[in-house]
Amino acid sequence: MKQIIVKNINKSYKVHLKSEGVSGSIKSILKRRFITTEAVKDISFEVNSSEVLGLIGLNGAGKTTIIKMISGVIKPDNGYIEVLGSNPFLKSNNYRKSVALVMGNKGQLDYDVSILDNVLLYASIYGISKKIALDRVNDMANELELSNHDLKKQVRSLSLGQRMKGELILSFLHLPKIIFLDEPTLGLDFISQRKIRNYIKSYKEKHDASIILTSHYIEDIEDLCERILIINKGQELYYGSIEKLKEEMPNYKKLKFITTPEIVEILRKRFENVEFAYYNNNVEVRTEGKLIMQIIQLITTLDDYRDITIEEDNLDIIIEQLYKERGM
């Protein structure tokens, strides 16, 4: 079931241009000049229930603008947005009770009280009874491995990872169906990151939630997302599954092995257009799969080599290659 439908949305902003210096500032007051910046250009996608869509882009690519439009904070200049069967900008009671936004760099917790006190305040806002709220908090805290003692500590005394878990508990208290996750693992250690990812996977399956995730941590994207939308300067570069992206991009692989300087020189002469990185008898080369096999065939005819390994490109390298080839 499609819970988020976005078709051909666009958003532009007028930006004021100020001239340099005092005289320039005075002129800008008397006669203001503007330029139009296209933040989002003709973007379309869908998110099904129990699905996480990864929204990927460089800083300033338009990710935040897209999330603001889908969450009903700002209206698109044109295009169509439907969330849970309605226009999010109308902010119906059903919509507001079904949506959550989690931001890794801007929390909702009041630092002067405990997570538990924050939760009870939000429960009253959402009309959730104290008993149900406490039951949900305990269940979520157990899944996130947050102790009862941590729930009762003043938020400002908690670690970054503990606070982020508290943010999730607060945002998921009303069991939302639509969730926007903006850098939810920002600054966390790898153990905390994994626990939060596991919780998100468990939650979306249990509650048929649709999630849009933005993250600069490629592990978040690979672990959580079925499909990804890659944007650059507000435009779509790629929309589809991670597996399909890997198939579409050139078949590059990384070959590592140990050998002597003499053999490296033989390889460099034989494969003049391939760059061999060599340090302390360790060789590393990244090139097309067919060339990798030719290199392996050659080194196996030589005497002094060992520990041959082949690695697929990581998703971040594939996305970087995509930007180089298709970046507008």
C-alpha atoms as a PDB file:
ATOM      1  CA  MET A   1       0.000   0.000   0.000  1.00  0.00           C
ATOM      2  CA  LYS A   2       1.338   3.427  -1.000  1.00  0.00           C
ATOM      3  CA  GLN A   3       1.293   5.736   2.017  1.00  0.00           C
ATOM      4  CA  ILE A   4       3.312   8.594   0.475  1.00  0.00           C
ATOM      5  CA  ILE A   5       2.804   9.701  -3.147  1.00  0.00           C
ATOM      6  CA  VAL A   6       4.817  12.574  -4.606  1.00  0.00           C
ATOM      7  CA  LYS A   7       4.435  13.666  -8.248  1.00  0.00           C
ATOM      8  CA  ASN A   8       6.403  16.356 -10.091  1.00  0.00           C
ATOM      9  CA  ILE A   9       6.918  18.728  -7.160  1.00  0.00           C
ATOM     10  CA  ASN A  10       8.866  21.963  -7.591  1.00  0.00           C
ATOM     11  CA  LYS A  11       9.977  24.663  -5.181  1.00  0.00           C
ATOM     12  CA  SER A  12      11.804  27.917  -5.865  1.00  0.00           C
ATOM     13  CA  TYR A  13      12.980  30.672  -3.522  1.00  0.00           C
ATOM     14  CA  LYS A  14      13.720  34.335  -4.092  1.00  0.00           C
ATOM     15  CA  VAL A  15      17.110  35.240  -2.675  1.00  0.00           C
ATOM     16  CA  HIS A  16      18.056  38.843  -1.953  1.00  0.00           C
ATOM     17  CA  LEU A  17      21.369  39.984  -3.471  1.00  0.00           C
ATOM     18  CA  LYS A  18      23.266  42.530  -1.362  1.00  0.00           C
ATOM     19  CA  SER A  19      26.109  44.549  -2.825  1.00  0.00           C
ATOM     20  CA  GLU A  20      29.406  44.844  -0.949  1.00  0.00           C
ATOM     21  CA  GLY A  21      30.362  47.719   1.314  1.00  0.00           C
ATOM     22  CA  VAL A  22      28.388  50.454   3.063  1.00  0.00           C
ATOM     23  CA  SER A  23      27.256  52.136  -0.160  1.00  0.00           C
ATOM     24  CA  GLY A  24      26.193  48.747  -1.498  1.00  0.00           C
ATOM     25  CA  SER A  25      24.108  48.120   1.629  1.00  0.00           C
ATOM     26  CA  ILE A  26      22.377  51.488   1.244  1.00  0.00           C
ATOM     27  CA  LYS A  27      21.647  50.788  -2.426  1.00  0.00           C
ATOM     28  CA  SER A  28      20.242  47.378  -1.455  1.00  0.00           C
ATOM     29  CA  ILE A  29      17.801  49.083   0.920  1.00  0.00           C
ATOM     30  CA  LEU A  30      16.642  51.563  -1.729  1.00  0.00           C
ATOM     31  CA  LYS A  31      16.536  49.088  -4.585  1.00  0.00           C
ATOM     32  CA  ARG A  32      16.448  45.419  -3.720  1.00  0.00           C
ATOM     33  CA  ARG A  33      17.648  42.852  -6.237  1.00  0.00           C
ATOM     34  CA  PHE A  34      16.584  39.227  -6.186  1.00  0.00           C
ATOM     35  CA  ILE A  35      17.509  36.015  -7.944  1.00  0.00           C
ATOM     36  CA  THR A  36      15.363  32.897  -8.103  1.00  0.00           C
ATOM     37  CA  THR A  37      16.885  29.665  -6.787  1.00  0.00           C
ATOM     38  CA  GLU A  38      15.299  26.367  -7.793  1.00  0.00           C
ATOM     39  CA  ALA A  39      15.578  24.189  -4.695  1.00  0.00           C
ATOM     40  CA  VAL A  40      13.537  21.235  -6.012  1.00  0.00           C
ATOM     41  CA  LYS A  41      12.885  20.448  -9.684  1.00  0.00           C
ATOM     42  CA  ASP A  42      10.260  17.948 -10.827  1.00  0.00           C
ATOM     43  CA  ILE A  43      10.763  15.296  -8.131  1.00  0.00           C
ATOM     44  CA  SER A  44       8.500  12.219  -7.993  1.00  0.00           C
ATOM     45  CA  PHE A  45       8.540   9.114  -5.789  1.00  0.00           C
ATOM     46  CA  GLU A  46       6.381   6.809  -3.675  1.00  0.00           C
ATOM     47  CA  VAL A  47       6.832   5.093  -0.311  1.00  0.00           C
ATOM     48  CA  ASN A  48       4.944   1.916   0.558  1.00  0.00           C
ATOM     49  CA  SER A  49       3.936   0.758   4.009  1.00  0.00           C
ATOM     50  CA  SER A  50       6.768  -1.010   5.885  1.00  0.00           C
ATOM     51  CA  GLU A  51       9.308   0.646   3.581  1.00  0.00           C
ATOM     52  CA  VAL A  52      12.264   2.947   4.208  1.00  0.00           C
ATOM     53  CA  LEU A  53      13.191   5.286   1.352  1.00  0.00           C
ATOM     54  CA  GLY A  54      16.701   6.729   1.525  1.00  0.00           C
ATOM     55  CA  LEU A  55      16.940  10.378   0.486  1.00  0.00           C
ATOM     56  CA  ILE A  56      20.553  11.037  -0.520  1.00  0.00           C
ATOM     57  CA  GLY A  57      22.265  14.210  -1.643  1.00  0.00           C
ATOM     58  CA  LEU A  58      25.124  16.580  -0.979  1.00  0.00           C
ATOM     59  CA  ASN A  59      24.634  19.548   1.346  1.00  0.00           C
ATOM     60  CA  GLY A  60      22.239  21.972  -0.326  1.00  0.00           C
ATOM     61  CA  ALA A  61      20.861  19.336  -2.719  1.00  0.00           C
ATOM     62  CA  GLY A  62      17.248  19.957  -1.634  1.00  0.00           C
ATOM     63  CA  LYS A  63      16.660  17.140   0.862  1.00  0.00           C
ATOM     64  CA  THR A  64      15.345  19.362   3.665  1.00  0.00           C
ATOM     65  CA  THR A  65      13.048  21.245   1.284  1.00  0.00           C
ATOM     66  CA  ILE A  66      11.554  17.955   0.081  1.00  0.00           C
ATOM     67  CA  ILE A  67      10.931  16.788   3.645  1.00  0.00           C
ATOM     68  CA  LYS A  68       9.367  20.154   4.570  1.00  0.00           C
ATOM     69  CA  MET A  69       6.955  19.876   1.633  1.00  0.00           C
ATOM     70  CA  ILE A  70       5.986  16.271   2.368  1.00  0.00           C
ATOM     71  CA  SER A  71       5.520  16.985   6.073  1.00  0.00           C
ATOM     72  CA  GLY A  72       3.260  19.960   5.309  1.00  0.00           C
ATOM     73  CA  VAL A  73       5.571  22.688   6.581  1.00  0.00           C
ATOM     74  CA  ILE A  74       5.776  24.467   3.206  1.00  0.00           C
ATOM     75  CA  LYS A  75       3.723  24.202   0.014  1.00  0.00           C
ATOM     76  CA  PRO A  76       5.264  23.188  -3.298  1.00  0.00           C
ATOM     77  CA  ASP A  77       5.003  25.708  -6.144  1.00  0.00           C
ATOM     78  CA  ASN A  78       3.314  22.977  -8.139  1.00  0.00           C
ATOM     79  CA  GLY A  79       2.998  19.199  -8.196  1.00  0.00           C
ATOM     80  CA  TYR A  80       1.045  16.701  -6.127  1.00  0.00           C
ATOM     81  CA  ILE A  81       1.659  15.315  -2.628  1.00  0.00           C
ATOM     82  CA  GLU A  82      -0.528  12.769  -0.881  1.00  0.00           C
ATOM     83  CA  VAL A  83       0.239  11.340   2.571  1.00  0.00           C
ATOM     84  CA  LEU A  84      -2.140   8.766   4.048  1.00  0.00           C
ATOM     85  CA  GLY A  85      -4.711   9.742   1.434  1.00  0.00           C
ATOM     86  CA  SER A  86      -4.739  13.483   2.118  1.00  0.00           C
ATOM     87  CA  ASN A  87      -2.848  16.724   1.483  1.00  0.00           C
ATOM     88  CA  PRO A  88      -0.288  17.100   4.307  1.00  0.00           C
ATOM     89  CA  PHE A  89      -0.449  20.908   4.123  1.00  0.00           C
ATOM     90  CA  LEU A  90      -4.051  20.789   5.406  1.00  0.00           C
ATOM     91  CA  LYS A  91      -2.682  19.263   8.639  1.00  0.00           C
ATOM     92  CA  SER A  92      -5.792  17.282   9.534  1.00  0.00           C
ATOM     93  CA  ASN A  93      -5.996  15.774  13.030  1.00  0.00           C
ATOM     94  CA  ASN A  94      -5.512  12.290  11.583  1.00  0.00           C
ATOM     95  CA  TYR A  95      -2.385  13.425   9.737  1.00  0.00           C
ATOM     96  CA  ARG A  96      -0.846  15.160  12.751  1.00  0.00           C
ATOM     97  CA  LYS A  97      -1.436  12.110  14.916  1.00  0.00           C
ATOM     98  CA  SER A  98       0.176   9.853  12.312  1.00  0.00           C
ATOM     99  CA  VAL A  99       3.440  11.713  11.618  1.00  0.00           C
ATOM    100  CA  ALA A 100       6.778  12.005  13.438  1.00  0.00           C
ATOM    101  CA  LEU A 101       9.984  13.887  12.667  1.00  0.00           C
ATOM    102  CA  VAL A 102      13.312  12.863  14.230  1.00  0.00           C
ATOM    103  CA  MET A 103      16.299  15.154  13.677  1.00  0.00           C
ATOM    104  CA  GLY A 104      19.766  14.168  14.798  1.00  0.00           C
ATOM    105  CA  ASN A 105      20.927  17.773  15.102  1.00  0.00           C
ATOM    106  CA  LYS A 106      17.789  19.333  16.589  1.00  0.00           C
ATOM    107  CA  GLY A 107      16.106  17.480  19.436  1.00  0.00           C
ATOM    108  CA  GLN A 108      12.656  17.862  20.968  1.00  0.00           C
ATOM    109  CA  LEU A 109      13.550  16.780  24.492  1.00  0.00           C
ATOM    110  CA  ASP A 110      13.503  19.392  27.269  1.00  0.00           C
ATOM    111  CA  TYR A 111      17.020  19.173  28.728  1.00  0.00           C
ATOM    112  CA  ASP A 112      15.955  20.303  32.211  1.00  0.00           C
ATOM    113  CA  VAL A 113      13.733  17.284  32.940  1.00  0.00           C
ATOM    114  CA  SER A 114      13.951  13.528  32.401  1.00  0.00           C
ATOM    115  CA  ILE A 115      12.979  11.494  29.343  1.00  0.00           C
ATOM    116  CA  LEU A 116      10.075  10.149  31.383  1.00  0.00           C
ATOM    117  CA  ASP A 117       8.798  13.646  32.215  1.00  0.00           C
ATOM    118  CA  ASN A 118       9.077  14.626  28.548  1.00  0.00           C
ATOM    119  CA  VAL A 119       7.103  11.538  27.555  1.00  0.00           C
ATOM    120  CA  LEU A 120       4.294  12.207  30.040  1.00  0.00           C
ATOM    121  CA  LEU A 121       3.956  15.771  28.729  1.00  0.00           C
ATOM    122  CA  TYR A 122       3.723  14.570  25.139  1.00  0.00           C
ATOM    123  CA  ALA A 123       1.293  11.820  26.141  1.00  0.00           C
ATOM    124  CA  SER A 124      -1.095  14.447  27.502  1.00  0.00           C
ATOM    125  CA  ILE A 125      -0.800  16.433  24.244  1.00  0.00           C
ATOM    126  CA  TYR A 126      -1.647  13.332  22.168  1.00  0.00           C
ATOM    127  CA  GLY A 127      -4.402  12.198  24.535  1.00  0.00           C
ATOM    128  CA  ILE A 128      -2.543   9.025  25.547  1.00  0.00           C
ATOM    129  CA  SER A 129      -3.251   7.695  29.048  1.00  0.00           C
ATOM    130  CA  LYS A 130      -0.402   7.589  31.546  1.00  0.00           C
ATOM    131  CA  LYS A 131      -0.545   3.780  31.789  1.00  0.00           C
ATOM    132  CA  ILE A 132      -0.370   3.280  28.011  1.00  0.00           C
ATOM    133  CA  ALA A 133       2.428   5.859  27.724  1.00  0.00           C
ATOM    134  CA  LEU A 134       4.503   4.161  30.437  1.00  0.00           C
ATOM    135  CA  ASP A 135       3.937   0.725  28.885  1.00  0.00           C
ATOM    136  CA  ARG A 136       5.111   2.002  25.496  1.00  0.00           C
ATOM    137  CA  VAL A 137       8.122   3.740  27.014  1.00  0.00           C
ATOM    138  CA  ASN A 138       9.210   0.582  28.837  1.00  0.00           C
ATOM    139  CA  ASP A 139       8.808  -1.531  25.688  1.00  0.00           C
ATOM    140  CA  MET A 140      10.790   0.921  23.534  1.00  0.00           C
ATOM    141  CA  ALA A 141      13.462   1.404  26.209  1.00  0.00           C
ATOM    142  CA  ASN A 142      13.967  -2.371  26.409  1.00  0.00           C
ATOM    143  CA  GLU A 143      14.382  -2.624  22.635  1.00  0.00           C
ATOM    144  CA  LEU A 144      16.823   0.292  22.607  1.00  0.00           C
ATOM    145  CA  GLU A 145      18.646  -1.009  25.711  1.00  0.00           C
ATOM    146  CA  LEU A 146      17.961   2.143  27.714  1.00  0.00           C
ATOM    147  CA  SER A 147      17.743   1.483  31.464  1.00  0.00           C
ATOM    148  CA  ASN A 148      14.968   2.619  33.782  1.00  0.00           C
ATOM    149  CA  HIS A 149      17.575   4.695  35.595  1.00  0.00           C
ATOM    150  CA  ASP A 150      18.444   6.506  32.337  1.00  0.00           C
ATOM    151  CA  LEU A 151      14.762   7.289  31.738  1.00  0.00           C
ATOM    152  CA  LYS A 152      14.630   9.147  35.063  1.00  0.00           C
ATOM    153  CA  LYS A 153      17.873  11.132  34.703  1.00  0.00           C
ATOM    154  CA  GLN A 154      17.891  14.762  33.641  1.00  0.00           C
ATOM    155  CA  VAL A 155      18.278  14.816  29.846  1.00  0.00           C
ATOM    156  CA  ARG A 156      21.300  17.151  29.902  1.00  0.00           C
ATOM    157  CA  SER A 157      23.231  14.564  31.956  1.00  0.00           C
ATOM    158  CA  LEU A 158      22.736  11.791  29.372  1.00  0.00           C
ATOM    159  CA  SER A 159      25.226  10.796  26.697  1.00  0.00           C
ATOM    160  CA  LEU A 160      24.562  11.660  23.044  1.00  0.00           C
ATOM    161  CA  GLY A 161      23.501   8.090  22.314  1.00  0.00           C
ATOM    162  CA  GLN A 162      21.122   7.996  25.287  1.00  0.00           C
ATOM    163  CA  ARG A 163      19.574  11.317  24.275  1.00  0.00           C
ATOM    164  CA  MET A 164      19.049  10.082  20.709  1.00  0.00           C
ATOM    165  CA  LYS A 165      17.267   7.003  22.030  1.00  0.00           C
ATOM    166  CA  GLY A 166      15.128   9.317  24.141  1.00  0.00           C
ATOM    167  CA  GLU A 167      14.292  11.342  21.020  1.00  0.00           C
ATOM    168  CA  LEU A 168      13.113   8.156  19.299  1.00  0.00           C
ATOM    169  CA  ILE A 169      10.970   7.172  22.264  1.00  0.00           C
ATOM    170  CA  LEU A 170       9.381  10.620  22.367  1.00  0.00           C
ATOM    171  CA  SER A 171       8.761  10.750  18.608  1.00  0.00           C
ATOM    172  CA  PHE A 172       7.411   7.200  18.375  1.00  0.00           C
ATOM    173  CA  LEU A 173       5.206   7.430  21.473  1.00  0.00           C
ATOM    174  CA  HIS A 174       1.992   7.965  19.464  1.00  0.00           C
ATOM    175  CA  LEU A 175       2.878   5.061  17.091  1.00  0.00           C
ATOM    176  CA  PRO A 176       3.190   7.152  13.903  1.00  0.00           C
ATOM    177  CA  LYS A 177       2.620   5.681  10.446  1.00  0.00           C
ATOM    178  CA  ILE A 178       4.735   8.290   8.642  1.00  0.00           C
ATOM    179  CA  ILE A 179       8.232   9.030   9.949  1.00  0.00           C
ATOM    180  CA  PHE A 180      10.860  11.457   8.713  1.00  0.00           C
ATOM    181  CA  LEU A 181      14.337  10.600  10.006  1.00  0.00           C
ATOM    182  CA  ASP A 182      16.915  13.323   9.450  1.00  0.00           C
ATOM    183  CA  GLU A 183      20.398  12.071  10.433  1.00  0.00           C
ATOM    184  CA  PRO A 184      19.100   9.903  13.326  1.00  0.00           C
ATOM    185  CA  THR A 185      22.556   8.433  14.077  1.00  0.00           C
ATOM    186  CA  LEU A 186      24.542  11.668  13.764  1.00  0.00           C
ATOM    187  CA  GLY A 187      27.634  11.614  15.988  1.00  0.00           C
ATOM    188  CA  LEU A 188      26.846   8.248  17.590  1.00  0.00           C
ATOM    189  CA  ASP A 189      29.265   5.356  18.123  1.00  0.00           C
ATOM    190  CA  PHE A 190      28.837   2.265  15.942  1.00  0.00           C
ATOM    191  CA  ILE A 191      27.107   0.245  18.682  1.00  0.00           C
ATOM    192  CA  SER A 192      24.481   2.953  19.278  1.00  0.00           C
ATOM    193  CA  GLN A 193      24.019   3.329  15.512  1.00  0.00           C
ATOM    194  CA  ARG A 194      23.328  -0.385  15.116  1.00  0.00           C
ATOM    195  CA  LYS A 195      20.844  -0.469  18.017  1.00  0.00           C
ATOM    196  CA  ILE A 196      18.911   2.456  16.579  1.00  0.00           C
ATOM    197  CA  ARG A 197      18.864   0.903  13.099  1.00  0.00           C
ATOM    198  CA  ASN A 198      17.617  -2.385  14.535  1.00  0.00           C
ATOM    199  CA  TYR A 199      14.863  -0.564  16.399  1.00  0.00           C
ATOM    200  CA  ILE A 200      13.777   1.308  13.258  1.00  0.00           C
ATOM    201  CA  LYS A 201      13.622  -1.959  11.280  1.00  0.00           C
ATOM    202  CA  SER A 202      11.579  -3.620  14.002  1.00  0.00           C
ATOM    203  CA  TYR A 203       9.198  -0.666  14.336  1.00  0.00           C
ATOM    204  CA  LYS A 204       8.393  -0.262  10.645  1.00  0.00           C
ATOM    205  CA  GLU A 205       7.583  -3.971  10.292  1.00  0.00           C
ATOM    206  CA  LYS A 206       5.461  -4.036  13.446  1.00  0.00           C
ATOM    207  CA  HIS A 207       3.465  -0.893  12.621  1.00  0.00           C
ATOM    208  CA  ASP A 208       3.508  -0.866   8.777  1.00  0.00           C
ATOM    209  CA  ALA A 209       5.225   2.522   8.889  1.00  0.00           C
ATOM    210  CA  SER A 210       6.524   4.454   5.890  1.00  0.00           C
ATOM    211  CA  ILE A 211       9.870   6.105   6.577  1.00  0.00           C
ATOM    212  CA  ILE A 212      11.949   8.654   4.682  1.00  0.00           C
ATOM    213  CA  LEU A 213      15.556   8.632   5.866  1.00  0.00           C
ATOM    214  CA  THR A 214      18.305  11.146   5.198  1.00  0.00           C
ATOM    215  CA  SER A 215      21.778  10.225   6.396  1.00  0.00           C
ATOM    216  CA  HIS A 216      25.411  10.828   5.505  1.00  0.00           C
ATOM    217  CA  TYR A 217      26.264   7.444   7.072  1.00  0.00           C
ATOM    218  CA  ILE A 218      26.149   4.965   4.210  1.00  0.00           C
ATOM    219  CA  GLU A 219      25.670   2.088   6.707  1.00  0.00           C
ATOM    220  CA  ASP A 220      22.279   3.570   7.634  1.00  0.00           C
ATOM    221  CA  ILE A 221      21.207   3.625   3.999  1.00  0.00           C
ATOM    222  CA  GLU A 222      22.419   0.116   3.146  1.00  0.00           C
ATOM    223  CA  ASP A 223      21.005  -1.457   6.306  1.00  0.00           C
ATOM    224  CA  LEU A 224      17.584   0.204   6.293  1.00  0.00           C
ATOM    225  CA  CYS A 225      16.568   1.203   2.774  1.00  0.00           C
ATOM    226  CA  GLU A 226      14.863  -0.870   0.106  1.00  0.00           C
ATOM    227  CA  ARG A 227      15.005   1.987  -2.388  1.00  0.00           C
ATOM    228  CA  ILE A 228      16.910   5.257  -2.633  1.00  0.00           C
ATOM    229  CA  LEU A 229      16.365   8.656  -4.228  1.00  0.00           C
ATOM    230  CA  ILE A 230      19.614  10.445  -5.074  1.00  0.00           C
ATOM    231  CA  ILE A 231      19.307  14.145  -5.859  1.00  0.00           C
ATOM    232  CA  ASN A 232      21.708  16.853  -6.951  1.00  0.00           C
ATOM    233  CA  LYS A 233      20.823  20.560  -7.100  1.00  0.00           C
ATOM    234  CA  GLY A 234      17.184  19.674  -6.581  1.00  0.00           C
ATOM    235  CA  GLN A 235      17.026  17.193  -9.469  1.00  0.00           C
ATOM    236  CA  GLU A 236      16.785  13.413  -9.521  1.00  0.00           C
ATOM    237  CA  LEU A 237      19.980  11.536 -10.343  1.00  0.00           C
ATOM    238  CA  TYR A 238      18.669   8.085  -9.499  1.00  0.00           C
ATOM    239  CA  TYR A 239      15.489   6.525  -8.082  1.00  0.00           C
ATOM    240  CA  GLY A 240      15.197   2.795  -7.477  1.00  0.00           C
ATOM    241  CA  SER A 241      16.696  -0.115  -5.572  1.00  0.00           C
ATOM    242  CA  ILE A 242      20.304  -0.265  -4.404  1.00  0.00           C
ATOM    243  CA  GLU A 243      20.772  -3.533  -6.293  1.00  0.00           C
ATOM    244  CA  LYS A 244      19.595  -1.956  -9.541  1.00  0.00           C
ATOM    245  CA  LEU A 245      21.984   0.979  -9.055  1.00  0.00           C
ATOM    246  CA  LYS A 246      24.901  -1.404  -8.638  1.00  0.00           C
ATOM    247  CA  GLU A 247      23.891  -3.169 -11.845  1.00  0.00           C
ATOM    248  CA  GLU A 248      23.617   0.087 -13.802  1.00  0.00           C
ATOM    249  CA  MET A 249      26.975   1.495 -12.746  1.00  0.00           C
ATOM    250  CA  PRO A 250      30.293   0.256 -14.238  1.00  0.00           C
ATOM    251  CA  ASN A 251      31.402  -3.070 -12.783  1.00  0.00           C
ATOM    252  CA  TYR A 252      34.390  -1.849 -10.777  1.00  0.00           C
ATOM    253  CA  LYS A 253      36.122  -4.079  -8.225  1.00  0.00           C
ATOM    254  CA  LYS A 254      39.049  -3.696  -5.850  1.00  0.00           C
ATOM    255  CA  LEU A 255      41.880  -6.227  -5.967  1.00  0.00           C
ATOM    256  CA  LYS A 256      44.392  -6.603  -3.116  1.00  0.00           C
ATOM    257  CA  PHE A 257      47.421  -8.881  -2.884  1.00  0.00           C
ATOM    258  CA  ILE A 258      50.996  -9.061  -1.595  1.00  0.00           C
ATOM    259  CA  THR A 259      53.960  -9.243  -3.957  1.00  0.00           C
ATOM    260  CA  THR A 260      57.397  -7.792  -4.823  1.00  0.00           C
ATOM    261  CA  PRO A 261      58.328  -4.464  -6.514  1.00  0.00           C
ATOM    262  CA  GLU A 262      59.570  -6.405  -9.536  1.00  0.00           C
ATOM    263  CA  ILE A 263      56.176  -7.993 -10.165  1.00  0.00           C
ATOM    264  CA  VAL A 264      54.431  -4.637  -9.706  1.00  0.00           C
ATOM    265  CA  GLU A 265      56.625  -3.203 -12.472  1.00  0.00           C
ATOM    266  CA  ILE A 266      55.653  -6.094 -14.758  1.00  0.00           C
ATOM    267  CA  LEU A 267      51.983  -5.398 -14.056  1.00  0.00           C
ATOM    268  CA  ARG A 268      52.356  -1.661 -14.693  1.00  0.00           C
ATOM    269  CA  LYS A 269      53.980  -2.301 -18.072  1.00  0.00           C
ATOM    270  CA  ARG A 270      51.333  -4.829 -19.038  1.00  0.00           C
ATOM    271  CA  PHE A 271      48.374  -2.687 -17.888  1.00  0.00           C
ATOM    272  CA  GLU A 272      49.478   0.856 -18.658  1.00  0.00           C
ATOM    273  CA  ASN A 273      46.045   2.459 -18.094  1.00  0.00           C
ATOM    274  CA  VAL A 274      45.538   0.854 -14.668  1.00  0.00           C
ATOM    275  CA  GLU A 275      46.842   2.550 -11.511  1.00  0.00           C
ATOM    276  CA  PHE A 276      48.548   0.192  -9.038  1.00  0.00           C
ATOM    277  CA  ALA A 277      48.926   1.506  -5.479  1.00  0.00           C
ATOM    278  CA  TYR A 278      51.952  -0.134  -3.837  1.00  0.00           C
ATOM    279  CA  TYR A 279      53.133   0.143  -0.208  1.00  0.00           C
ATOM    280  CA  ASN A 280      55.087  -2.277   2.008  1.00  0.00           C
ATOM    281  CA  ASN A 281      54.659  -5.124  -0.508  1.00  0.00           C
ATOM    282  CA  ASN A 282      50.854  -4.572  -0.497  1.00  0.00           C
ATOM    283  CA  VAL A 283      49.227  -3.896  -3.855  1.00  0.00           C
ATOM    284  CA  GLU A 284      45.785  -2.364  -4.322  1.00  0.00           C
ATOM    285  CA  VAL A 285      44.077  -1.713  -7.638  1.00  0.00           C
ATOM    286  CA  ARG A 286      40.527  -0.652  -8.519  1.00  0.00           C
ATOM    287  CA  THR A 287      39.317  -1.137 -12.086  1.00  0.00           C
ATOM    288  CA  GLU A 288      36.718  -2.893 -14.226  1.00  0.00           C
ATOM    289  CA  GLY A 289      35.902  -6.494 -13.416  1.00  0.00           C
ATOM    290  CA  LYS A 290      37.208  -7.886 -16.701  1.00  0.00           C
ATOM    291  CA  LEU A 291      40.606  -6.225 -16.149  1.00  0.00           C
ATOM    292  CA  ILE A 292      40.711  -7.562 -12.585  1.00  0.00           C
ATOM    293  CA  MET A 293      40.425 -11.101 -13.958  1.00  0.00           C
ATOM    294  CA  GLN A 294      43.211 -10.428 -16.489  1.00  0.00           C
ATOM    295  CA  ILE A 295      45.469  -9.121 -13.716  1.00  0.00           C
ATOM    296  CA  ILE A 296      44.781 -12.197 -11.594  1.00  0.00           C
ATOM    297  CA  GLN A 297      45.525 -14.500 -14.538  1.00  0.00           C
ATOM    298  CA  LEU A 298      48.880 -12.788 -15.022  1.00  0.00           C
ATOM    299  CA  ILE A 299      50.013 -12.745 -11.379  1.00  0.00           C
ATOM    300  CA  THR A 300      49.127 -16.416 -10.950  1.00  0.00           C
ATOM    301  CA  THR A 301      51.703 -17.227 -13.642  1.00  0.00           C
ATOM    302  CA  LEU A 302      54.354 -15.458 -11.571  1.00  0.00           C
ATOM    303  CA  ASP A 303      56.031 -16.914  -8.517  1.00  0.00           C
ATOM    304  CA  ASP A 304      55.959 -14.413  -5.663  1.00  0.00           C
ATOM    305  CA  TYR A 305      52.410 -13.455  -4.664  1.00  0.00           C
ATOM    306  CA  ARG A 306      49.946 -14.264  -1.846  1.00  0.00           C
ATOM    307  CA  ASP A 307      46.731 -13.220  -0.058  1.00  0.00           C
ATOM    308  CA  ILE A 308      44.643 -12.308  -3.112  1.00  0.00           C
ATOM    309  CA  THR A 309      41.285 -10.735  -2.226  1.00  0.00           C
ATOM    310  CA  ILE A 310      38.577  -9.115  -4.378  1.00  0.00           C
ATOM    311  CA  GLU A 311      36.113  -6.577  -2.961  1.00  0.00           C
ATOM    312  CA  GLU A 312      32.980  -5.060  -4.452  1.00  0.00           C
ATOM    313  CA  ASP A 313      32.665  -1.273  -4.443  1.00  0.00           C
ATOM    314  CA  ASN A 314      30.956   0.135  -1.363  1.00  0.00           C
ATOM    315  CA  LEU A 315      27.726   2.033  -1.930  1.00  0.00           C
ATOM    316  CA  ASP A 316      29.372   5.373  -1.132  1.00  0.00           C
ATOM    317  CA  ILE A 317      31.939   4.817  -3.911  1.00  0.00           C
ATOM    318  CA  ILE A 318      29.154   3.881  -6.347  1.00  0.00           C
ATOM    319  CA  ILE A 319      27.188   7.028  -5.456  1.00  0.00           C
ATOM    320  CA  GLU A 320      30.317   9.151  -5.837  1.00  0.00           C
ATOM    321  CA  GLN A 321      30.831   7.629  -9.292  1.00  0.00           C
ATOM    322  CA  LEU A 322      27.195   8.397 -10.126  1.00  0.00           C
ATOM    323  CA  TYR A 323      27.722  12.052  -9.235  1.00  0.00           C
ATOM    324  CA  LYS A 324      30.804  12.210 -11.453  1.00  0.00           C
ATOM    325  CA  GLU A 325      29.016  10.653 -14.424  1.00  0.00           C
ATOM    326  CA  ARG A 326      25.550  12.204 -14.160  1.00  0.00           C
ATOM    327  CA  GLY A 327      25.951  15.220 -11.889  1.00  0.00           C
ATOM    328  CA  MET A 328      24.284  18.269 -13.381  1.00  0.00           C
END
